[in-house]
Amino acid sequence: MKLPVVSGSDAVRAFRSVGYEFDEQHGSHIIVRHSDPPHRRLSIPNHKEVAKGTLRALIREAGLSVDEFARLL
């Protein structure tokens, strides 16, 4: 499946639906943390459109496939 175009807030919402919780914010980056071990942290840029390479890396780090992520949107 093709990588969707999403904003930072949409990406945060999708990751929250699989167990990530807001941790902190540094400037324009929202840090979310998964409560179950391993305690993965993702730094999501709060932009109108997250760059494709960045989004793909975040999806991979979360242990999801592009299809799984697209269904969460």
N, C-alpha and C. Protein backbone atom coordinates (compact mmCIF):
# COMPACT_ATOMS: atom_id res chain seq x y z
N MET A 1 0.84 -1.19 0.00
CA MET A 1 0.00 0.00 0.00
C MET A 1 0.88 1.25 0.00
N LYS A 2 0.36 2.28 -0.61
CA LYS A 2 1.08 3.55 -0.70
C LYS A 2 1.04 4.25 0.66
N LEU A 3 2.13 4.92 0.99
CA LEU A 3 2.24 5.65 2.25
C LEU A 3 1.27 6.83 2.26
N PRO A 4 0.40 6.93 3.28
CA PRO A 4 -0.55 8.04 3.31
C PRO A 4 0.13 9.37 3.66
N VAL A 5 -0.51 10.46 3.27
CA VAL A 5 -0.04 11.80 3.63
C VAL A 5 -0.79 12.18 4.90
N VAL A 6 -0.05 12.41 5.99
CA VAL A 6 -0.69 12.72 7.26
C VAL A 6 -0.01 13.91 7.93
N SER A 7 -0.77 14.56 8.80
CA SER A 7 -0.21 15.64 9.61
C SER A 7 0.36 15.03 10.88
N GLY A 8 1.12 15.82 11.61
CA GLY A 8 1.68 15.34 12.86
C GLY A 8 0.61 14.95 13.86
N SER A 9 -0.45 15.76 13.96
CA SER A 9 -1.52 15.45 14.92
C SER A 9 -2.27 14.18 14.53
N ASP A 10 -2.45 13.93 13.21
CA ASP A 10 -3.08 12.68 12.77
C ASP A 10 -2.21 11.48 13.12
N ALA A 11 -0.90 11.62 12.97
CA ALA A 11 0.02 10.54 13.29
C ALA A 11 -0.02 10.25 14.79
N VAL A 12 -0.04 11.29 15.62
CA VAL A 12 -0.12 11.10 17.08
C VAL A 12 -1.40 10.35 17.42
N ARG A 13 -2.51 10.74 16.82
CA ARG A 13 -3.80 10.09 17.08
C ARG A 13 -3.75 8.60 16.71
N ALA A 14 -3.13 8.29 15.58
CA ALA A 14 -3.03 6.90 15.14
C ALA A 14 -2.16 6.09 16.10
N PHE A 15 -1.02 6.64 16.51
CA PHE A 15 -0.15 5.92 17.43
C PHE A 15 -0.79 5.77 18.81
N ARG A 16 -1.59 6.73 19.22
CA ARG A 16 -2.28 6.61 20.51
C ARG A 16 -3.26 5.45 20.50
N SER A 17 -3.84 5.14 19.35
CA SER A 17 -4.81 4.04 19.28
C SER A 17 -4.16 2.67 19.42
N VAL A 18 -2.82 2.60 19.34
CA VAL A 18 -2.13 1.32 19.55
C VAL A 18 -1.31 1.32 20.84
N GLY A 19 -1.62 2.23 21.76
CA GLY A 19 -1.02 2.18 23.08
C GLY A 19 0.04 3.22 23.39
N TYR A 20 0.33 4.12 22.47
CA TYR A 20 1.29 5.19 22.76
C TYR A 20 0.58 6.31 23.51
N GLU A 21 1.28 6.93 24.44
CA GLU A 21 0.71 8.02 25.24
C GLU A 21 1.59 9.25 25.11
N PHE A 22 0.97 10.42 25.20
CA PHE A 22 1.73 11.67 25.17
C PHE A 22 2.72 11.67 26.32
N ASP A 23 3.97 12.01 26.04
CA ASP A 23 4.99 12.07 27.08
C ASP A 23 5.40 13.51 27.32
N GLU A 24 5.84 14.19 26.26
CA GLU A 24 6.25 15.60 26.38
C GLU A 24 6.32 16.21 24.99
N GLN A 25 6.55 17.52 24.97
CA GLN A 25 6.69 18.21 23.69
C GLN A 25 7.91 19.13 23.77
N HIS A 26 8.73 19.06 22.73
CA HIS A 26 9.91 19.93 22.60
C HIS A 26 9.76 20.71 21.31
N GLY A 27 9.43 21.97 21.42
CA GLY A 27 9.24 22.78 20.22
C GLY A 27 8.12 22.23 19.37
N SER A 28 8.44 21.89 18.13
CA SER A 28 7.42 21.39 17.22
C SER A 28 7.39 19.87 17.17
N HIS A 29 8.03 19.18 18.11
CA HIS A 29 8.04 17.72 18.12
C HIS A 29 7.30 17.19 19.35
N ILE A 30 6.36 16.29 19.08
CA ILE A 30 5.59 15.66 20.14
C ILE A 30 6.22 14.30 20.41
N ILE A 31 6.53 14.04 21.68
CA ILE A 31 7.14 12.78 22.07
C ILE A 31 6.04 11.90 22.66
N VAL A 32 5.87 10.71 22.09
CA VAL A 32 4.91 9.75 22.63
C VAL A 32 5.69 8.53 23.08
N ARG A 33 5.18 7.85 24.11
CA ARG A 33 5.87 6.72 24.71
C ARG A 33 4.89 5.57 24.84
N HIS A 34 5.38 4.36 24.58
CA HIS A 34 4.55 3.17 24.75
C HIS A 34 4.75 2.66 26.16
N SER A 35 3.66 2.33 26.83
CA SER A 35 3.75 1.95 28.24
C SER A 35 4.26 0.52 28.45
N ASP A 36 4.06 -0.35 27.46
CA ASP A 36 4.52 -1.74 27.59
C ASP A 36 5.97 -1.86 27.18
N PRO A 37 6.73 -2.73 27.87
CA PRO A 37 8.14 -2.95 27.45
C PRO A 37 8.19 -3.52 26.05
N PRO A 38 9.17 -3.19 25.22
CA PRO A 38 10.17 -2.16 25.49
C PRO A 38 9.54 -0.78 25.39
N HIS A 39 9.93 0.13 26.26
CA HIS A 39 9.34 1.46 26.33
C HIS A 39 9.83 2.32 25.18
N ARG A 40 9.24 2.10 24.02
CA ARG A 40 9.64 2.84 22.82
C ARG A 40 9.13 4.27 22.91
N ARG A 41 9.95 5.19 22.44
CA ARG A 41 9.56 6.60 22.36
C ARG A 41 9.66 7.02 20.90
N LEU A 42 8.67 7.76 20.44
CA LEU A 42 8.65 8.27 19.09
C LEU A 42 8.61 9.79 19.16
N SER A 43 9.40 10.44 18.32
CA SER A 43 9.40 11.89 18.21
C SER A 43 8.71 12.26 16.91
N ILE A 44 7.50 12.77 17.01
CA ILE A 44 6.67 13.05 15.84
C ILE A 44 6.66 14.55 15.59
N PRO A 45 7.11 14.99 14.40
CA PRO A 45 7.07 16.43 14.10
C PRO A 45 5.63 16.89 13.95
N ASN A 46 5.28 17.96 14.63
CA ASN A 46 3.91 18.48 14.58
C ASN A 46 3.79 19.46 13.41
N HIS A 47 3.86 18.92 12.21
CA HIS A 47 3.78 19.71 10.98
C HIS A 47 2.48 19.40 10.25
N LYS A 48 2.15 20.23 9.27
CA LYS A 48 0.95 19.99 8.47
C LYS A 48 1.07 18.68 7.69
N GLU A 49 2.30 18.36 7.27
CA GLU A 49 2.54 17.12 6.54
C GLU A 49 3.87 16.53 7.01
N VAL A 50 3.83 15.31 7.53
CA VAL A 50 5.05 14.63 7.97
C VAL A 50 5.75 14.09 6.73
N ALA A 51 7.05 14.32 6.62
CA ALA A 51 7.82 13.84 5.47
C ALA A 51 7.71 12.32 5.36
N LYS A 52 7.66 11.84 4.13
CA LYS A 52 7.45 10.41 3.89
C LYS A 52 8.51 9.54 4.55
N GLY A 53 9.77 9.92 4.46
CA GLY A 53 10.84 9.12 5.07
C GLY A 53 10.71 9.09 6.58
N THR A 54 10.35 10.23 7.16
CA THR A 54 10.16 10.32 8.61
C THR A 54 8.99 9.45 9.04
N LEU A 55 7.89 9.53 8.31
CA LEU A 55 6.70 8.75 8.64
C LEU A 55 7.00 7.26 8.53
N ARG A 56 7.69 6.86 7.48
CA ARG A 56 8.04 5.44 7.30
C ARG A 56 8.91 4.95 8.45
N ALA A 57 9.86 5.78 8.90
CA ALA A 57 10.73 5.40 10.02
C ALA A 57 9.93 5.28 11.31
N LEU A 58 8.98 6.19 11.54
CA LEU A 58 8.14 6.13 12.74
C LEU A 58 7.28 4.87 12.75
N ILE A 59 6.70 4.54 11.60
CA ILE A 59 5.87 3.34 11.48
C ILE A 59 6.71 2.10 11.77
N ARG A 60 7.90 2.05 11.20
CA ARG A 60 8.81 0.91 11.41
C ARG A 60 9.21 0.79 12.88
N GLU A 61 9.55 1.93 13.50
CA GLU A 61 9.96 1.94 14.91
C GLU A 61 8.83 1.47 15.82
N ALA A 62 7.59 1.76 15.44
CA ALA A 62 6.43 1.34 16.23
C ALA A 62 6.09 -0.13 16.01
N GLY A 63 6.76 -0.77 15.05
CA GLY A 63 6.50 -2.18 14.78
C GLY A 63 5.24 -2.43 13.97
N LEU A 64 4.85 -1.45 13.19
CA LEU A 64 3.65 -1.56 12.36
C LEU A 64 4.03 -1.66 10.90
N SER A 65 3.09 -2.14 10.09
CA SER A 65 3.25 -2.09 8.64
C SER A 65 2.53 -0.84 8.15
N VAL A 66 2.78 -0.44 6.93
CA VAL A 66 2.11 0.73 6.36
C VAL A 66 0.60 0.47 6.30
N ASP A 67 0.19 -0.76 5.96
CA ASP A 67 -1.23 -1.09 5.91
C ASP A 67 -1.89 -0.95 7.29
N GLU A 68 -1.22 -1.46 8.32
CA GLU A 68 -1.76 -1.37 9.67
C GLU A 68 -1.91 0.09 10.09
N PHE A 69 -0.88 0.90 9.79
CA PHE A 69 -0.93 2.31 10.14
C PHE A 69 -2.07 3.01 9.40
N ALA A 70 -2.22 2.72 8.12
CA ALA A 70 -3.28 3.36 7.32
C ALA A 70 -4.66 3.02 7.88
N ARG A 71 -4.85 1.81 8.39
CA ARG A 71 -6.14 1.43 8.97
C ARG A 71 -6.43 2.20 10.26
N LEU A 72 -5.37 2.61 10.97
CA LEU A 72 -5.56 3.35 12.23
C LEU A 72 -6.01 4.79 11.98
N LEU A 73 -5.77 5.30 10.77
CA LEU A 73 -6.17 6.68 10.45
C LEU A 73 -7.64 6.70 10.28
